[in-house]
N, C-alpha and C. Protein backbone atom coordinates (compact mmCIF):
# COMPACT_ATOMS: atom_id res chain seq x y z
N ASP A 1 45.07 23.40 64.46
CA ASP A 1 46.09 25.10 64.48
C ASP A 1 46.96 24.48 64.94
N ALA A 2 48.16 23.97 64.22
CA ALA A 2 49.20 23.01 64.13
C ALA A 2 50.00 23.81 64.06
N ALA A 3 51.29 23.64 64.80
CA ALA A 3 52.66 24.17 64.57
C ALA A 3 53.48 23.12 63.63
N ILE A 4 54.26 23.68 62.31
CA ILE A 4 55.08 22.89 61.48
C ILE A 4 56.47 23.28 61.81
N LEU A 5 57.15 22.11 62.25
CA LEU A 5 59.03 22.11 62.39
C LEU A 5 59.58 22.35 61.39
N GLU A 6 58.93 21.04 60.61
CA GLU A 6 59.70 21.07 59.09
C GLU A 6 59.01 20.78 58.54
N PHE A 7 58.81 20.97 56.94
CA PHE A 7 58.79 20.01 56.09
C PHE A 7 59.36 19.99 54.55
N ASP A 8 59.90 18.81 54.27
CA ASP A 8 60.83 18.78 53.05
C ASP A 8 61.20 17.30 53.00
N PRO A 9 60.40 16.35 52.35
CA PRO A 9 58.97 16.34 52.24
C PRO A 9 57.82 15.84 53.39
N ILE A 10 58.02 15.60 54.33
CA ILE A 10 57.58 15.56 55.62
C ILE A 10 57.28 16.75 56.47
N ALA A 11 56.75 16.58 57.78
CA ALA A 11 57.16 17.39 58.91
C ALA A 11 56.24 17.31 60.23
N PHE A 12 56.89 17.38 61.17
CA PHE A 12 56.41 17.28 62.42
C PHE A 12 55.82 18.39 62.91
N GLU A 13 54.31 17.86 63.20
CA GLU A 13 53.63 18.88 63.53
C GLU A 13 52.71 19.00 64.99
N VAL A 14 53.12 20.16 65.84
CA VAL A 14 52.39 20.25 67.49
C VAL A 14 51.31 20.45 67.12
N TYR A 15 50.05 19.77 68.04
CA TYR A 15 49.01 20.45 68.28
C TYR A 15 48.36 20.37 69.37
N ARG A 16 47.58 21.48 69.10
CA ARG A 16 46.70 21.03 71.21
C ARG A 16 45.59 19.86 70.47
N ASP A 17 45.22 18.65 71.32
CA ASP A 17 44.05 18.35 71.62
C ASP A 17 43.06 18.40 72.23
N GLN A 18 41.84 17.43 71.86
CA GLN A 18 40.75 17.87 72.35
C GLN A 18 40.59 17.44 74.11
N GLY A 19 41.90 17.35 74.86
CA GLY A 19 41.86 17.14 76.19
C GLY A 19 42.43 18.75 76.64
N ASP A 20 42.95 19.18 75.61
CA ASP A 20 44.03 20.57 75.89
C ASP A 20 45.09 20.30 76.31
N GLU A 21 46.16 19.09 75.84
CA GLU A 21 46.82 18.83 75.99
C GLU A 21 47.99 19.16 74.47
N PHE A 22 49.00 19.11 74.53
CA PHE A 22 50.09 19.15 73.37
C PHE A 22 50.51 17.49 72.67
N ARG A 23 50.36 17.47 71.85
CA ARG A 23 50.88 16.24 70.68
C ARG A 23 51.84 16.79 69.50
N TRP A 24 52.43 15.57 69.08
CA TRP A 24 53.03 15.71 67.84
C TRP A 24 52.29 14.71 66.81
N ARG A 25 52.86 15.03 65.48
CA ARG A 25 52.38 14.14 64.59
C ARG A 25 53.73 14.25 63.51
N LEU A 26 53.66 13.14 62.90
CA LEU A 26 54.81 13.59 61.34
C LEU A 26 53.87 13.13 59.94
N ARG A 27 53.80 13.95 59.32
CA ARG A 27 52.76 14.15 58.50
C ARG A 27 53.52 14.40 57.23
N HIS A 28 53.15 13.83 55.71
CA HIS A 28 53.72 14.15 54.32
C HIS A 28 53.21 15.05 54.28
N SER A 29 54.01 15.32 52.97
CA SER A 29 53.60 16.79 52.06
C SER A 29 52.43 16.10 51.72
N ASN A 30 51.54 14.69 51.27
CA ASN A 30 50.43 14.41 50.73
C ASN A 30 49.19 14.49 51.60
N GLY A 31 50.05 14.92 52.99
CA GLY A 31 48.92 14.78 53.77
C GLY A 31 48.44 13.93 54.77
N GLN A 32 48.96 12.95 54.65
CA GLN A 32 49.25 11.53 55.33
C GLN A 32 49.75 11.38 56.63
N ILE A 33 49.20 10.81 57.65
CA ILE A 33 49.87 11.00 58.90
C ILE A 33 50.98 9.84 58.77
N ILE A 34 51.90 9.95 59.22
CA ILE A 34 53.23 8.66 59.48
C ILE A 34 53.07 8.20 60.41
N ALA A 35 53.03 9.14 61.21
CA ALA A 35 53.26 9.26 63.00
C ALA A 35 52.93 9.86 63.62
N ASP A 36 52.30 9.20 64.98
CA ASP A 36 52.06 9.92 66.15
C ASP A 36 52.53 10.11 67.23
N SER A 37 52.86 10.61 68.25
CA SER A 37 53.49 10.65 69.83
C SER A 37 52.57 9.86 70.89
N GLY A 38 51.13 9.43 70.39
CA GLY A 38 50.96 8.27 71.06
C GLY A 38 50.19 8.83 72.85
N GLU A 39 51.26 9.88 72.83
CA GLU A 39 50.92 10.49 74.63
C GLU A 39 50.87 11.92 74.56
N ALA A 40 50.08 12.24 75.66
CA ALA A 40 49.87 13.90 75.30
C ALA A 40 50.87 14.68 76.26
N TYR A 41 51.11 15.85 76.04
CA TYR A 41 52.42 16.45 77.00
C TYR A 41 51.69 17.71 77.24
N ALA A 42 52.00 18.14 79.13
CA ALA A 42 51.26 19.36 79.15
C ALA A 42 51.71 20.75 78.85
N SER A 43 52.71 20.57 77.88
CA SER A 43 53.04 21.79 77.72
C SER A 43 53.56 21.60 75.94
N ARG A 44 53.70 22.58 75.25
CA ARG A 44 53.74 22.74 73.40
C ARG A 44 55.42 22.55 73.72
N SER A 45 56.05 23.51 74.74
CA SER A 45 57.78 22.81 74.84
C SER A 45 58.02 21.36 75.04
N ASN A 46 57.24 20.73 75.82
CA ASN A 46 57.64 19.52 75.96
C ASN A 46 57.23 18.38 74.83
N ALA A 47 55.72 19.45 74.26
CA ALA A 47 55.63 17.82 72.69
C ALA A 47 56.90 18.28 71.52
N VAL A 48 57.24 19.80 71.61
CA VAL A 48 58.39 20.51 70.74
C VAL A 48 60.03 18.80 71.00
N GLU A 49 60.08 19.05 72.57
CA GLU A 49 61.22 18.55 72.51
C GLU A 49 60.90 16.92 72.45
N ALA A 50 59.86 16.08 72.51
CA ALA A 50 59.87 15.13 71.87
C ALA A 50 60.16 14.50 70.28
N ALA A 51 59.49 15.55 70.04
CA ALA A 51 59.29 15.42 68.39
C ALA A 51 61.07 15.58 68.00
N LYS A 52 61.55 16.55 68.53
CA LYS A 52 63.10 16.59 68.41
C LYS A 52 64.09 15.43 68.76
N ARG A 53 63.23 14.58 69.80
CA ARG A 53 64.08 13.43 69.77
C ARG A 53 64.16 12.25 69.17
N VAL A 54 62.95 12.17 68.73
CA VAL A 54 62.37 11.25 67.95
C VAL A 54 63.15 11.62 66.54
N ARG A 55 63.08 12.94 65.84
CA ARG A 55 63.16 12.91 64.63
C ARG A 55 65.09 12.57 64.69
N SER A 56 65.78 13.25 65.86
CA SER A 56 67.34 13.19 65.78
C SER A 56 67.79 11.46 66.05
N HIS A 57 66.73 10.63 66.57
CA HIS A 57 67.18 9.08 66.87
C HIS A 57 66.58 8.46 65.26
N ALA A 58 65.65 8.50 64.90
CA ALA A 58 65.02 8.26 63.55
C ALA A 58 66.09 7.84 62.66
N PRO A 59 66.99 8.23 62.26
CA PRO A 59 67.91 7.98 61.14
C PRO A 59 69.04 6.32 61.51
N ALA A 60 68.64 6.09 63.27
CA ALA A 60 69.63 5.03 63.70
C ALA A 60 68.75 3.63 64.10
N ALA A 61 67.39 4.25 63.56
CA ALA A 61 66.48 2.95 63.58
C ALA A 61 66.64 1.87 63.16
N GLU A 62 66.40 0.73 62.81
CA GLU A 62 66.32 -0.38 62.30
C GLU A 62 65.03 -0.71 61.64
N THR A 63 64.84 -0.98 60.53
CA THR A 63 63.92 -1.51 59.94
C THR A 63 63.39 -3.11 59.95
N ILE A 64 62.53 -3.51 60.81
CA ILE A 64 62.39 -4.55 61.35
C ILE A 64 60.94 -5.05 60.35
N GLU A 65 61.40 -6.20 59.54
CA GLU A 65 60.28 -7.09 59.00
C GLU A 65 59.13 -8.04 59.87
N LEU A 66 57.73 -7.88 59.92
CA LEU A 66 57.49 -9.34 60.79
C LEU A 66 56.75 -9.57 59.92
N GLU A 67 56.52 -11.33 60.06
CA GLU A 67 55.54 -12.08 59.45
C GLU A 67 54.06 -11.98 59.58
N GLN A 68 53.85 -12.42 58.72
CA GLN A 68 52.14 -12.77 58.55
C GLN A 68 52.00 -13.42 59.02
N ALA A 69 51.14 -13.41 59.84
CA ALA A 69 50.00 -14.92 60.64
C ALA A 69 49.38 -15.73 59.14
């Protein structure tokens, strides 16, 4: 039962996990999960704010290529 913040072609979803806490995930319109919060939040509003912070900072993120061993 996720709340979708935006979808064009990706969306941040905020949902309640099995521990009854909130998390966000970034999902492509094809259904694939691209990223997730990695941590749980006590309230839906905290999870939404965390997703908004990621969304606002993502355009400035650098691409880092890792060499394979």
